[in-house]
Amino acid sequence: MAFSPFLDNVIATASNDSLVKVWAIPEFGLTESLGEGDELGNLVGHQKKVMMIRWNPLANFTLASTSIDQTVKLWDVNLEKEVFSQTTYSSPWDLDWSHDGQLLSSVTKDKMATFLDPRVNRYCMSISLNS
């Protein structure tokens, strides 16, 4: 789960069913549980369990996700659309944005760190973390 850095009441969730969902917490709080059909959006594209999600710290409605399907995806949440996908050689275990939101990094099970420049939708560097 991750809170939006721009909208205090918006969260994204990752799940075993391969979906990333975006939810809005009502202005005066929850009076009942949110359930199927209450989400603001569904981000569909992963084939297996979604492991991690991270909002871009400077670009509103931009979310990244990783899955055990060995992909890293970049989403336009407003349009509920995948804007970039990269297959990795093993499952991504971690994901984070640089503080200025210009680079997205992921670390995979095989100890590779990769860096994506979402402005041009391409990977710009990989580093082996093996000793």
Protein backbone atom coordinates (compact mmCIF):
# COMPACT_ATOMS: atom_id res chain seq x y z
CA MET A 1 0.00 0.00 0.00
CA ALA A 2 1.20 3.54 -0.70
CA PHE A 3 -0.33 6.94 0.00
CA SER A 4 -0.31 9.49 -2.81
CA PRO A 5 2.17 12.31 -2.15
CA PHE A 6 -0.30 14.77 -3.72
CA LEU A 7 -3.75 13.73 -2.50
CA ASP A 8 -3.97 12.93 1.21
CA ASN A 9 -6.98 10.67 0.83
CA VAL A 10 -5.77 8.57 -2.13
CA ILE A 11 -3.95 5.25 -1.74
CA ALA A 12 -2.79 2.54 -4.11
CA THR A 13 -2.73 -1.14 -3.18
CA ALA A 14 -0.86 -4.10 -4.66
CA SER A 15 -2.26 -7.61 -4.40
CA ASN A 16 -1.92 -11.32 -5.09
CA ASP A 17 -4.54 -11.16 -7.86
CA SER A 18 -2.11 -9.21 -10.12
CA LEU A 19 -4.04 -5.94 -9.80
CA VAL A 20 -3.02 -2.51 -8.60
CA LYS A 21 -6.02 -0.59 -7.31
CA VAL A 22 -6.43 3.07 -6.44
CA TRP A 23 -8.79 4.06 -3.64
CA ALA A 24 -10.12 7.27 -2.12
CA ILE A 25 -10.75 7.49 1.59
CA PRO A 26 -13.90 9.59 2.15
CA GLU A 27 -13.31 13.14 3.46
CA PHE A 28 -14.73 12.36 6.91
CA GLY A 29 -13.12 8.93 7.20
CA LEU A 30 -14.35 5.41 6.71
CA THR A 31 -17.72 4.46 8.14
CA GLU A 32 -17.63 1.03 6.49
CA SER A 33 -15.12 -1.14 4.70
CA LEU A 34 -14.32 -0.40 1.07
CA GLY A 35 -14.83 -3.35 -1.22
CA GLU A 36 -15.10 -4.52 -4.80
CA GLY A 37 -16.49 -1.70 -6.93
CA ASP A 38 -15.48 1.08 -4.51
CA GLU A 39 -12.05 1.64 -6.06
CA LEU A 40 -11.27 4.72 -8.16
CA GLY A 41 -9.31 2.68 -10.66
CA ASN A 42 -7.84 -0.70 -11.56
CA LEU A 43 -4.42 -0.95 -13.15
CA VAL A 44 -4.42 -4.19 -15.12
CA GLY A 45 -1.31 -5.58 -16.78
CA HIS A 46 0.70 -7.76 -14.42
CA GLN A 47 0.32 -11.52 -14.87
CA LYS A 48 1.21 -12.55 -11.30
CA LYS A 49 1.30 -11.20 -7.74
CA VAL A 50 2.22 -7.51 -7.51
CA MET A 51 5.02 -7.08 -4.99
CA MET A 52 5.64 -3.35 -4.65
CA ILE A 53 4.19 -0.01 -5.66
CA ARG A 54 5.66 3.49 -5.41
CA TRP A 55 4.19 6.88 -6.33
CA ASN A 56 6.45 9.30 -8.15
CA PRO A 57 7.30 12.06 -5.63
CA LEU A 58 6.95 14.90 -8.16
CA ALA A 59 4.67 13.73 -10.98
CA ASN A 60 1.08 13.46 -9.85
CA PHE A 61 -0.81 10.33 -10.97
CA THR A 62 2.43 8.47 -11.82
CA LEU A 63 2.87 5.09 -10.14
CA ALA A 64 5.43 2.30 -10.55
CA SER A 65 4.88 -1.37 -9.72
CA THR A 66 6.81 -4.64 -9.65
CA SER A 67 5.55 -8.19 -9.88
CA ILE A 68 6.82 -11.72 -9.57
CA ASP A 69 5.98 -11.95 -13.29
CA GLN A 70 9.44 -10.32 -13.60
CA THR A 71 8.20 -6.93 -14.79
CA VAL A 72 8.47 -3.33 -13.69
CA LYS A 73 5.59 -1.19 -14.93
CA LEU A 74 4.98 2.54 -15.00
CA TRP A 75 1.36 3.71 -14.89
CA ASP A 76 -0.62 6.83 -15.69
CA VAL A 77 -3.16 6.48 -12.88
CA ASN A 78 -5.43 9.21 -14.24
CA LEU A 79 -5.90 7.29 -17.49
CA GLU A 80 -5.62 3.83 -15.83
CA LYS A 81 -3.02 3.04 -18.49
CA GLU A 82 0.34 1.28 -18.53
CA VAL A 83 2.86 3.65 -20.11
CA PHE A 84 6.00 1.52 -19.82
CA SER A 85 6.89 -2.07 -19.04
CA GLN A 86 10.27 -3.73 -18.70
CA THR A 87 10.89 -7.44 -18.22
CA THR A 88 13.73 -8.23 -15.82
CA TYR A 89 15.83 -11.39 -15.60
CA SER A 90 14.45 -12.29 -12.18
CA SER A 91 11.75 -11.01 -9.85
CA PRO A 92 12.13 -7.40 -8.70
CA TRP A 93 12.44 -7.25 -4.91
CA ASP A 94 12.63 -3.52 -4.34
CA LEU A 95 11.57 -0.36 -6.10
CA ASP A 96 12.12 3.33 -5.41
CA TRP A 97 12.13 6.74 -7.06
CA SER A 98 14.98 9.23 -6.82
CA HIS A 99 14.10 12.26 -4.67
CA ASP A 100 13.64 14.43 -7.76
CA GLY A 101 11.39 11.80 -9.40
CA GLN A 102 13.57 11.57 -12.51
CA LEU A 103 14.85 8.01 -12.04
CA LEU A 104 13.17 4.80 -10.97
CA SER A 105 15.39 2.08 -9.54
CA SER A 106 14.67 -1.58 -8.97
CA VAL A 107 16.67 -4.41 -7.45
CA THR A 108 16.05 -7.98 -8.56
CA LYS A 109 16.47 -11.34 -6.87
CA ASP A 110 19.61 -11.96 -8.95
CA LYS A 111 21.26 -8.89 -7.33
CA MET A 112 20.97 -6.50 -10.26
CA ALA A 113 20.10 -2.85 -9.74
CA THR A 114 18.54 -1.14 -12.75
CA PHE A 115 17.66 2.49 -13.34
CA LEU A 116 14.83 3.70 -15.56
CA ASP A 117 14.50 7.21 -16.93
CA PRO A 118 10.70 7.53 -17.28
CA ARG A 119 11.03 10.77 -19.28
CA VAL A 120 12.24 8.66 -22.24
CA ASN A 121 10.82 5.29 -21.05
CA ARG A 122 14.07 3.37 -21.17
CA TYR A 123 16.53 1.78 -18.84
CA CYS A 124 19.71 3.81 -18.63
CA MET A 125 21.95 1.65 -16.42
CA SER A 126 22.30 -1.70 -14.66
CA ILE A 127 24.69 -2.53 -11.85
CA SER A 128 25.60 -5.98 -10.54
CA LEU A 129 25.45 -6.07 -6.75
CA ASN A 130 27.34 -9.39 -6.53
CA SER A 131 30.51 -9.19 -4.45
